[in-house]
Structure formats: structure tokens, C-alpha cells
Amino acid sequence: MNYLLVAALLLPWLRLLRVFRPSGAGRRLVIQTAKIGDWINSTPVIRGLGPVDVICAPVNLRLARHDQNVHTAWVLPGRTTMRQKVALGWKLFRHGYDEIYVLMPNTPNTFLARLACAAKTHTLDTYKTSWLVRLLGAGFRRQPHRRQELVLDNYLRLAQLPVNATTRKKHSTSPLFRPERPCFQPSPGFRVGISLSAGNRLKTLPMDLWQKLFALLAPYAPGIHVFGLDDERPLLEELRSRIAGLRLEIVDCLGQIPLEALPWHIAQMHLYLSTDTGNSYIADSLDVPLVNFAGPCCSQEQRALGARALTVETPGLTPFTFVFAARYTSALPPEVLYGVGDQELERIARFIEECHLSAAFDSTRDTCPT
């Protein structure tokens, strides 16, 4: 309610000042303050409209700064005071944007779009959009979105871009940022990347499943590169204890790679295994072969779309976490959320074999599409 009151107080003055504001000369602003995976899934819009200014979450600033499609990147931390939001809204107003696209239509983002007073503002209208957001965004052009629809397609429709395989192509950094001092140099042999967990701990595969996956990988004697945050180290240590007898080399990259350098390191992999994490979408954007375990996440709404992506759904499990209505806990144990049966394991085994054969012809992979 505070947002409505502040907007009601400020808008008459802003509309008056807009008469004296210089033209934005076609400048566009994209507002996407969700985390890494959602940011990667928004990059087709950023590229299609670019160059654009963006408002992003602090975690994604490193990616935005290495994107040739981004002119200026503003940051909106998760916790800001009303005064800070009004200050950012005033900066946006002074830029005089012609068009604004709100990809994460929550209350703070809609408030900022309203204060910016663009000539045209476009926003998603989702299953989670509240009456307050609709009231704040009265007059905005709305693109409906439902749970069963691919959110990337509705991002593109929101931006009035064509929806096809070409426009759906994602990127992480553009062009691909290559670090001066990589965490590792690509070694000969079969290189596999994995993510043990994510910021949302609901996306943590059970150790029993990891054991089965590593048993499928062991005949190829791969180098397993573990990507993630340093606080995932207890998971890695437990995994080490369970696979001690297998022919596997573990490369520990936890907490060692800055986000802007992460795409280059993931691009060196011949295969990536993960739940629905930001890293899995980075792999997908680089056309790295990917096994993505959907678990409780709705793959109809958001999933890897690459030609070499295998999405594994849990038989009999109804998805209950969504892009705009995320869940972070569940009474169901990981063994139920990620209950992969023999049939799915056979599909994964065939996919691993195909990736290993492909790696034999690409043993020095160090580049990828940008």
C-alpha cells in the first residue's frame, strides 16, 4: 500500500516535469531482477531489443557488464528502502525511456516502471500478479502468462519479437568472456561438469542418485568438475566418500570462479549434470550437452531448450515450484522429488555414451558460440 501512496504523491509532479524532459531517443529499459537462471532465460529479449539498459539483481551484474547488448546496468538489491527506490526511480525518469519491459512483474519493479514515466511500458501479467501490481501498472500493455506456457516465449511476445528457434537462443556473456587466469586448463579426456545444489536447496539431488550417475560415468574415466559455491563443500565431501572406489578424477571448483568467468569454464565441458540451476542454463546457452533433472520444477514453464539438452522429469510427481511462485521447502524427501527409475537411467546412459563419442572428436574444446 505504501507504493500506491508514494506513487500517487509523486506522479502528478513527474508528469508535469516530463514536459521539460529531453527525449529518450529510442532508449529502452529491461527490468529483470530474478536470479541467474531467469536472467539467462531473459537474454533473448535483451539481445533482440539491444542495446538496452537493464535493472538486474546484484548477482547478475557481472554478467550484464560483459554483455555487448547492455548499455547501462542498474542494480536493485533484494532489500532496499523506499527512499532508495524513489532515488532509482528518479534516475530512470531523467533518462526519459521510450519503452520499458518488465519481465519480473513484482511490486518494486512495477513501482519503478511507473515512476520512470516511459512513453510505453510493457509487463507480464502472471498467475502471481496481485491487485496492487495491476493497480500500480494501470495502463501498461500486458502480456498474459500461465504456468503451462513457456515463459521465454511470453518474454519474446512481450517484446513483440518473433518466437522461433533463432530468437529463443540464449547467451551468458556476449561475446564469451575469457578470463586471464582460468581456474583450470582443459585437460585431455572426457570432461564432465556438475552442480550439486543451488541457492534454492530444494534443487539438491540425493546422494544415492549421484552414486548411480557416477557409476554410469566411471567406464569413461572422466574428469568431474564440481561447480558451485563454497558452502556446498560438505556435499562434495560426502560424495567423495561414497565414490571412493570409482575411476573418477574430481576437480574442485567450488567458490573459485567469479560469475563472469563461469560461462567460459562451463564451455570446456563435454557434458553437464544438474538440477534446474543457473549453471544448467549457462550450459544450455553455450550448447554444452546437458542432463537437467526437473524434479519439482515445472519444465513446461521453463527448461533447457538446446538441441543437446535432456530434461529428466520425475515419474508421478506433479510440479509445484514455478518461475513466479517458487517454493524453497517440501515435506517430500529428495529421493521422492528426484526419483529416477531404470528407464530414465537407461536414457541417461545412452546420452552419456553419445557425449563421450562426441568428446573423442573434440578433446581440446575451448570455444563456443557467443
Protein backbone atom coordinates (compact mmCIF):
# COMPACT_ATOMS: atom_id res chain seq x y z
CA MET A 1 0.00 0.00 0.00
CA ASN A 2 2.93 2.35 0.65
CA TYR A 3 3.89 2.02 -3.02
CA LEU A 4 0.46 3.29 -4.10
CA LEU A 5 0.59 6.24 -1.73
CA VAL A 6 4.10 7.29 -2.77
CA ALA A 7 3.25 6.85 -6.45
CA ALA A 8 0.08 8.93 -6.03
CA LEU A 9 2.11 11.73 -4.43
CA LEU A 10 4.92 11.74 -6.98
CA LEU A 11 3.19 11.06 -10.29
CA PRO A 12 1.50 14.49 -10.70
CA TRP A 13 4.87 16.22 -10.33
CA LEU A 14 6.65 13.73 -12.58
CA ARG A 15 4.04 14.13 -15.31
CA LEU A 16 4.48 17.87 -15.14
CA LEU A 17 8.27 17.57 -15.32
CA ARG A 18 8.01 15.13 -18.22
CA VAL A 19 7.04 18.05 -20.46
CA PHE A 20 10.54 19.51 -19.95
CA ARG A 21 12.40 16.18 -20.06
CA PRO A 22 14.70 15.55 -23.05
CA SER A 23 13.61 12.78 -25.40
CA GLY A 24 15.00 9.29 -24.75
CA ALA A 25 15.82 8.96 -28.46
CA GLY A 26 14.59 5.35 -28.61
CA ARG A 27 16.18 4.20 -25.34
CA ARG A 28 14.78 1.02 -23.86
CA LEU A 29 14.91 -0.44 -20.36
CA VAL A 30 14.50 -4.11 -19.40
CA ILE A 31 13.67 -4.88 -15.76
CA GLN A 32 14.66 -8.42 -14.69
CA THR A 33 15.64 -8.76 -11.05
CA ALA A 34 15.41 -12.54 -10.70
CA LYS A 35 18.43 -14.79 -10.20
CA ILE A 36 20.90 -16.32 -12.65
CA GLY A 37 18.72 -18.90 -14.42
CA ASP A 38 15.92 -16.40 -15.08
CA TRP A 39 18.47 -13.83 -16.24
CA ILE A 40 19.92 -16.29 -18.79
CA ASN A 41 16.39 -17.06 -19.99
CA SER A 42 15.81 -13.32 -20.48
CA THR A 43 18.86 -12.75 -22.68
CA PRO A 44 16.99 -13.44 -25.97
CA VAL A 45 14.89 -10.34 -25.21
CA ILE A 46 17.96 -8.29 -24.25
CA ARG A 47 19.68 -9.30 -27.49
CA GLY A 48 16.55 -8.78 -29.61
CA LEU A 49 15.94 -5.27 -28.25
CA GLY A 50 19.57 -4.31 -27.67
CA PRO A 51 21.38 -2.24 -26.92
CA VAL A 52 19.24 -1.70 -23.82
CA ASP A 53 19.63 -0.55 -20.26
CA VAL A 54 18.74 -3.10 -17.60
CA ILE A 55 17.79 -3.30 -13.95
CA CYS A 56 19.12 -6.55 -12.52
CA ALA A 57 19.81 -8.33 -9.25
CA PRO A 58 23.31 -7.70 -7.82
CA VAL A 59 24.33 -11.31 -8.54
CA ASN A 60 23.79 -10.77 -12.28
CA LEU A 61 25.69 -7.50 -12.56
CA ARG A 62 28.90 -9.33 -13.53
CA LEU A 63 27.11 -10.96 -16.46
CA ALA A 64 25.40 -7.72 -17.53
CA ARG A 65 28.73 -5.87 -17.59
CA HIS A 66 30.09 -8.40 -20.07
CA ASP A 67 27.13 -8.25 -22.44
CA GLN A 68 27.52 -6.14 -25.55
CA ASN A 69 23.72 -5.84 -25.73
CA VAL A 70 23.61 -3.97 -22.39
CA HIS A 71 24.39 -0.25 -22.37
CA THR A 72 23.84 0.61 -18.69
CA ALA A 73 23.12 -1.79 -15.83
CA TRP A 74 21.26 -0.58 -12.75
CA VAL A 75 21.13 -2.75 -9.63
CA LEU A 76 18.15 -3.29 -7.35
CA PRO A 77 19.20 -5.27 -4.25
CA GLY A 78 16.65 -7.55 -2.64
CA ARG A 79 16.32 -5.24 0.35
CA THR A 80 16.13 -1.51 -0.31
CA THR A 81 14.35 1.31 1.49
CA MET A 82 11.55 3.30 -0.11
CA ARG A 83 13.93 6.26 -0.29
CA GLN A 84 16.41 4.20 -2.31
CA LYS A 85 13.70 3.02 -4.68
CA VAL A 86 12.46 6.57 -5.20
CA ALA A 87 16.05 7.71 -5.86
CA LEU A 88 16.46 5.00 -8.51
CA GLY A 89 13.05 5.87 -9.95
CA TRP A 90 14.16 9.50 -10.30
CA LYS A 91 17.30 8.42 -12.19
CA LEU A 92 15.18 6.31 -14.52
CA PHE A 93 12.79 9.22 -15.03
CA ARG A 94 15.64 11.53 -16.00
CA HIS A 95 16.78 9.06 -18.68
CA GLY A 96 13.48 9.53 -20.47
CA TYR A 97 13.00 5.97 -21.70
CA ASP A 98 10.72 5.47 -24.67
CA GLU A 99 9.89 1.87 -23.75
CA ILE A 100 10.20 -0.26 -20.61
CA TYR A 101 9.80 -4.04 -20.42
CA VAL A 102 9.05 -5.57 -17.00
CA LEU A 103 10.00 -9.27 -17.07
CA MET A 104 9.70 -9.77 -13.30
CA PRO A 105 6.40 -8.02 -12.52
CA ASN A 106 6.58 -7.70 -8.73
CA THR A 107 5.60 -4.63 -6.74
CA PRO A 108 9.02 -2.86 -6.56
CA ASN A 109 9.70 -3.35 -10.28
CA THR A 110 6.24 -2.12 -11.29
CA PHE A 111 6.69 0.87 -8.98
CA LEU A 112 9.98 1.77 -10.67
CA ALA A 113 8.45 1.40 -14.12
CA ARG A 114 5.63 3.71 -13.08
CA LEU A 115 7.99 6.39 -11.76
CA ALA A 116 10.09 6.23 -14.95
CA CYS A 117 7.11 7.55 -16.93
CA ALA A 118 8.11 5.92 -20.21
CA ALA A 119 6.11 6.58 -23.38
CA LYS A 120 5.23 2.85 -23.44
CA THR A 121 5.55 0.24 -20.70
CA HIS A 122 5.08 -3.49 -21.29
CA THR A 123 4.67 -6.03 -18.47
CA LEU A 124 3.86 -9.68 -17.93
CA ASP A 125 0.57 -10.48 -16.25
CA THR A 126 1.13 -13.77 -14.44
CA TYR A 127 -0.73 -16.19 -12.18
CA LYS A 128 1.03 -14.44 -9.27
CA THR A 129 0.27 -10.82 -10.21
CA SER A 130 -1.56 -9.14 -7.33
CA TRP A 131 -4.26 -6.46 -7.45
CA LEU A 132 -1.70 -3.98 -6.10
CA VAL A 133 0.67 -4.63 -9.00
CA ARG A 134 -2.19 -4.36 -11.50
CA LEU A 135 -3.25 -1.06 -9.95
CA LEU A 136 0.31 0.31 -9.96
CA GLY A 137 0.65 -0.78 -13.58
CA ALA A 138 -2.70 0.53 -14.78
CA GLY A 139 -2.38 1.47 -18.44
CA PHE A 140 0.65 -0.73 -19.10
CA ARG A 141 0.45 -3.10 -22.06
CA ARG A 142 0.05 -6.60 -20.59
CA GLN A 143 1.21 -9.97 -21.88
CA PRO A 144 -0.66 -12.82 -20.16
CA HIS A 145 1.39 -15.76 -18.86
CA ARG A 146 0.18 -19.07 -17.42
CA ARG A 147 2.04 -21.87 -15.66
CA GLN A 148 1.72 -24.25 -18.60
CA GLU A 149 3.26 -21.79 -21.07
CA LEU A 150 6.95 -21.44 -21.85
CA VAL A 151 7.93 -18.20 -20.14
CA LEU A 152 10.66 -17.44 -22.70
CA ASP A 153 8.04 -17.38 -25.47
CA ASN A 154 5.96 -14.89 -23.50
CA TYR A 155 9.06 -12.77 -22.83
CA LEU A 156 9.51 -12.59 -26.61
CA ARG A 157 5.83 -11.80 -27.19
CA LEU A 158 6.05 -9.09 -24.54
CA ALA A 159 8.90 -7.52 -26.51
CA GLN A 160 6.96 -8.05 -29.76
CA LEU A 161 9.75 -10.24 -31.14
CA PRO A 162 9.19 -13.36 -33.28
CA VAL A 163 9.07 -16.69 -31.47
CA ASN A 164 11.29 -19.31 -33.13
CA ALA A 165 14.43 -21.34 -32.52
CA THR A 166 16.68 -18.46 -33.56
CA THR A 167 15.11 -15.83 -31.31
CA ARG A 168 15.00 -18.28 -28.39
CA LYS A 169 18.80 -18.64 -28.42
CA LYS A 170 20.22 -17.63 -25.03
CA HIS A 171 23.65 -16.34 -24.05
CA SER A 172 25.55 -15.87 -20.81
CA THR A 173 28.08 -13.22 -21.75
CA SER A 174 28.28 -11.71 -25.22
CA PRO A 175 30.82 -12.21 -26.59
CA LEU A 176 32.02 -15.09 -24.42
CA PHE A 177 34.26 -13.62 -21.72
CA ARG A 178 37.57 -15.48 -21.39
CA PRO A 179 39.34 -14.96 -18.03
CA GLU A 180 43.03 -14.11 -17.99
CA ARG A 181 43.68 -16.65 -15.24
CA PRO A 182 41.33 -19.63 -15.57
CA CYS A 183 40.64 -21.87 -12.59
CA PHE A 184 41.86 -24.80 -14.70
CA GLN A 185 43.16 -25.53 -18.18
CA PRO A 186 41.13 -28.04 -20.21
CA SER A 187 42.75 -31.45 -19.88
CA PRO A 188 42.60 -34.28 -22.42
CA GLY A 189 39.82 -36.78 -21.97
CA PHE A 190 36.14 -36.66 -21.12
CA ARG A 191 35.27 -33.56 -19.10
CA VAL A 192 32.02 -33.52 -17.12
CA GLY A 193 30.66 -30.62 -15.09
CA ILE A 194 28.17 -30.97 -12.25
CA SER A 195 26.19 -28.78 -9.85
CA LEU A 196 25.48 -30.41 -6.50
CA SER A 197 22.91 -27.84 -5.40
CA ALA A 198 21.64 -24.30 -5.91
CA GLY A 199 20.65 -21.24 -3.91
CA ASN A 200 17.29 -22.97 -3.60
CA ARG A 201 18.17 -26.12 -1.62
CA LEU A 202 15.07 -27.82 -2.98
CA LYS A 203 17.23 -28.30 -6.09
CA THR A 204 19.68 -30.70 -4.41
CA LEU A 205 19.97 -34.18 -5.92
CA PRO A 206 20.06 -37.04 -3.38
CA MET A 207 23.43 -38.73 -2.90
CA ASP A 208 22.03 -42.11 -3.91
CA LEU A 209 21.23 -40.71 -7.36
CA TRP A 210 24.68 -39.14 -7.67
CA GLN A 211 26.18 -42.57 -6.93
CA LYS A 212 24.17 -44.09 -9.77
CA LEU A 213 25.15 -41.30 -12.14
CA PHE A 214 28.83 -41.63 -11.27
CA ALA A 215 28.60 -45.37 -11.81
CA LEU A 216 27.35 -44.64 -15.34
CA LEU A 217 30.24 -42.22 -15.89
CA ALA A 218 33.00 -44.38 -14.40
CA PRO A 219 33.66 -46.56 -17.52
CA TYR A 220 34.75 -43.42 -19.38
CA ALA A 221 37.22 -42.33 -16.65
CA PRO A 222 36.08 -38.70 -16.82
CA GLY A 223 37.35 -35.63 -15.07
CA ILE A 224 34.43 -34.41 -12.92
CA HIS A 225 34.46 -30.64 -12.43
CA VAL A 226 32.30 -29.54 -9.48
CA PHE A 227 30.90 -26.01 -9.91
CA GLY A 228 29.09 -24.04 -7.23
CA LEU A 229 29.52 -22.07 -4.03
CA ASP A 230 31.93 -22.81 -1.22
CA ASP A 231 29.11 -23.68 1.17
CA GLU A 232 28.40 -26.78 -0.93
CA ARG A 233 31.67 -28.36 0.20
CA PRO A 234 30.02 -30.68 2.77
CA LEU A 235 28.01 -32.17 -0.10
CA LEU A 236 31.20 -32.69 -2.09
CA GLU A 237 32.93 -34.38 0.83
CA GLU A 238 30.01 -36.74 1.33
CA LEU A 239 30.04 -37.54 -2.37
CA ARG A 240 33.79 -38.24 -2.31
CA SER A 241 33.29 -40.76 0.48
CA ARG A 242 30.61 -42.58 -1.50
CA ILE A 243 32.52 -42.89 -4.79
CA ALA A 244 35.98 -43.64 -3.42
CA GLY A 245 36.29 -46.88 -5.45
CA LEU A 246 35.37 -45.46 -8.86
CA ARG A 247 37.77 -44.39 -11.63
CA LEU A 248 36.98 -40.71 -11.43
CA GLU A 249 39.03 -37.55 -11.07
CA ILE A 250 37.32 -34.82 -9.05
CA VAL A 251 38.25 -31.21 -9.88
CA ASP A 252 37.02 -28.97 -7.06
CA CYS A 253 35.96 -25.55 -8.42
CA LEU A 254 33.66 -24.61 -5.54
CA GLY A 255 33.87 -20.91 -4.69
CA GLN A 256 36.82 -20.34 -7.01
CA ILE A 257 35.27 -18.90 -10.17
CA PRO A 258 33.74 -15.41 -10.44
CA LEU A 259 30.40 -15.37 -12.21
CA GLU A 260 31.60 -13.58 -15.34
CA ALA A 261 34.24 -16.30 -15.85
CA LEU A 262 31.88 -19.20 -15.13
CA PRO A 263 30.48 -19.49 -18.69
CA TRP A 264 33.97 -19.98 -20.17
CA HIS A 265 34.77 -22.73 -17.67
CA ILE A 266 31.44 -24.49 -18.25
CA ALA A 267 32.04 -24.21 -22.00
CA GLN A 268 35.04 -26.52 -21.60
CA MET A 269 32.78 -29.40 -20.54
CA HIS A 270 31.64 -32.21 -22.82
CA LEU A 271 28.64 -32.87 -20.56
CA TYR A 272 26.90 -31.14 -17.67
CA LEU A 273 24.70 -32.74 -14.99
CA SER A 274 22.47 -30.61 -12.79
CA THR A 275 19.05 -29.91 -11.41
CA ASP A 276 17.21 -26.77 -12.61
CA THR A 277 20.04 -24.40 -11.59
CA GLY A 278 21.52 -21.22 -13.00
CA ASN A 279 24.56 -23.22 -14.06
CA SER A 280 22.38 -25.59 -16.09
CA TYR A 281 21.02 -22.64 -18.06
CA ILE A 282 24.54 -21.32 -18.59
CA ALA A 283 25.45 -24.74 -20.04
CA ASP A 284 22.34 -24.66 -22.21
CA SER A 285 23.20 -21.18 -23.51
CA LEU A 286 26.62 -22.50 -24.58
CA ASP A 287 25.22 -25.62 -26.28
CA VAL A 288 27.03 -27.86 -23.80
CA PRO A 289 25.28 -31.26 -23.65
CA LEU A 290 23.11 -31.18 -20.56
CA VAL A 291 21.20 -33.60 -18.37
CA ASN A 292 18.74 -31.47 -16.39
CA PHE A 293 16.73 -33.05 -13.55
CA ALA A 294 13.45 -31.13 -13.31
CA GLY A 295 12.28 -32.62 -10.00
CA PRO A 296 9.59 -30.34 -8.51
CA CYS A 297 10.18 -27.59 -11.11
CA CYS A 298 7.66 -27.12 -13.92
CA SER A 299 9.55 -27.90 -17.12
CA GLN A 300 6.57 -26.79 -19.22
CA GLU A 301 7.17 -23.27 -17.97
CA GLN A 302 10.97 -23.11 -18.07
CA ARG A 303 13.57 -25.62 -19.25
CA ALA A 304 16.72 -26.02 -21.27
CA LEU A 305 15.93 -25.71 -24.98
CA GLY A 306 19.23 -26.61 -26.61
CA ALA A 307 19.45 -29.37 -29.21
CA ARG A 308 21.70 -31.32 -26.82
CA ALA A 309 19.63 -30.97 -23.65
CA LEU A 310 17.96 -33.92 -21.95
CA THR A 311 15.30 -32.99 -19.39
CA VAL A 312 14.57 -35.76 -16.89
CA GLU A 313 11.22 -35.49 -15.11
CA THR A 314 10.23 -37.48 -12.03
CA PRO A 315 7.52 -40.01 -12.92
CA GLY A 316 4.31 -39.45 -10.97
CA LEU A 317 5.42 -36.16 -9.41
CA THR A 318 3.25 -33.10 -10.05
CA PRO A 319 5.47 -30.00 -10.30
CA PHE A 320 4.85 -27.50 -7.51
CA THR A 321 7.50 -24.79 -7.92
CA PHE A 322 7.23 -22.23 -10.69
CA VAL A 323 9.05 -19.21 -12.12
CA PHE A 324 6.80 -16.67 -10.41
CA ALA A 325 5.77 -18.84 -7.45
CA ALA A 326 8.96 -20.54 -6.29
CA ARG A 327 8.97 -22.99 -3.40
CA TYR A 328 12.04 -23.48 -1.23
CA THR A 329 10.98 -26.32 1.04
CA SER A 330 8.97 -29.51 0.77
CA ALA A 331 7.80 -32.27 3.06
CA LEU A 332 8.87 -34.74 0.38
CA PRO A 333 12.45 -36.06 0.68
CA PRO A 334 14.93 -35.59 -2.20
CA GLU A 335 14.66 -39.30 -3.00
CA VAL A 336 11.00 -38.74 -3.94
CA LEU A 337 11.50 -35.36 -5.65
CA TYR A 338 14.22 -36.86 -7.85
CA GLY A 339 13.03 -40.45 -8.07
CA VAL A 340 14.72 -41.56 -11.30
CA GLY A 341 13.77 -45.07 -12.40
CA ASP A 342 15.59 -47.65 -14.53
CA GLN A 343 14.08 -46.38 -17.77
CA GLU A 344 15.31 -42.84 -17.16
CA LEU A 345 18.75 -44.13 -16.14
CA GLU A 346 18.96 -46.04 -19.43
CA ARG A 347 18.19 -42.83 -21.34
CA ILE A 348 20.89 -41.02 -19.37
CA ALA A 349 23.39 -43.84 -20.01
CA ARG A 350 22.80 -43.62 -23.77
CA PHE A 351 23.14 -39.85 -23.64
CA ILE A 352 26.44 -40.12 -21.74
CA GLU A 353 27.76 -42.56 -24.33
CA GLU A 354 26.84 -40.18 -27.16
CA CYS A 355 28.57 -37.29 -25.38
CA HIS A 356 31.68 -39.39 -24.83
CA LEU A 357 31.83 -40.30 -28.52
CA SER A 358 31.43 -36.64 -29.43
CA ALA A 359 34.20 -35.69 -26.99
CA ALA A 360 36.60 -38.03 -28.79
CA PHE A 361 36.39 -35.65 -31.77
CA ASP A 362 36.56 -32.54 -29.64
CA SER A 363 39.18 -33.24 -26.99
CA THR A 364 40.54 -29.69 -26.96
CA ARG A 365 37.26 -27.80 -26.81
CA ASP A 366 37.87 -24.24 -25.62
CA THR A 367 35.45 -22.15 -27.63
CA CYS A 368 31.70 -21.98 -28.04
CA PRO A 369 29.02 -19.83 -29.69
CA THR A 370 28.64 -16.35 -28.21
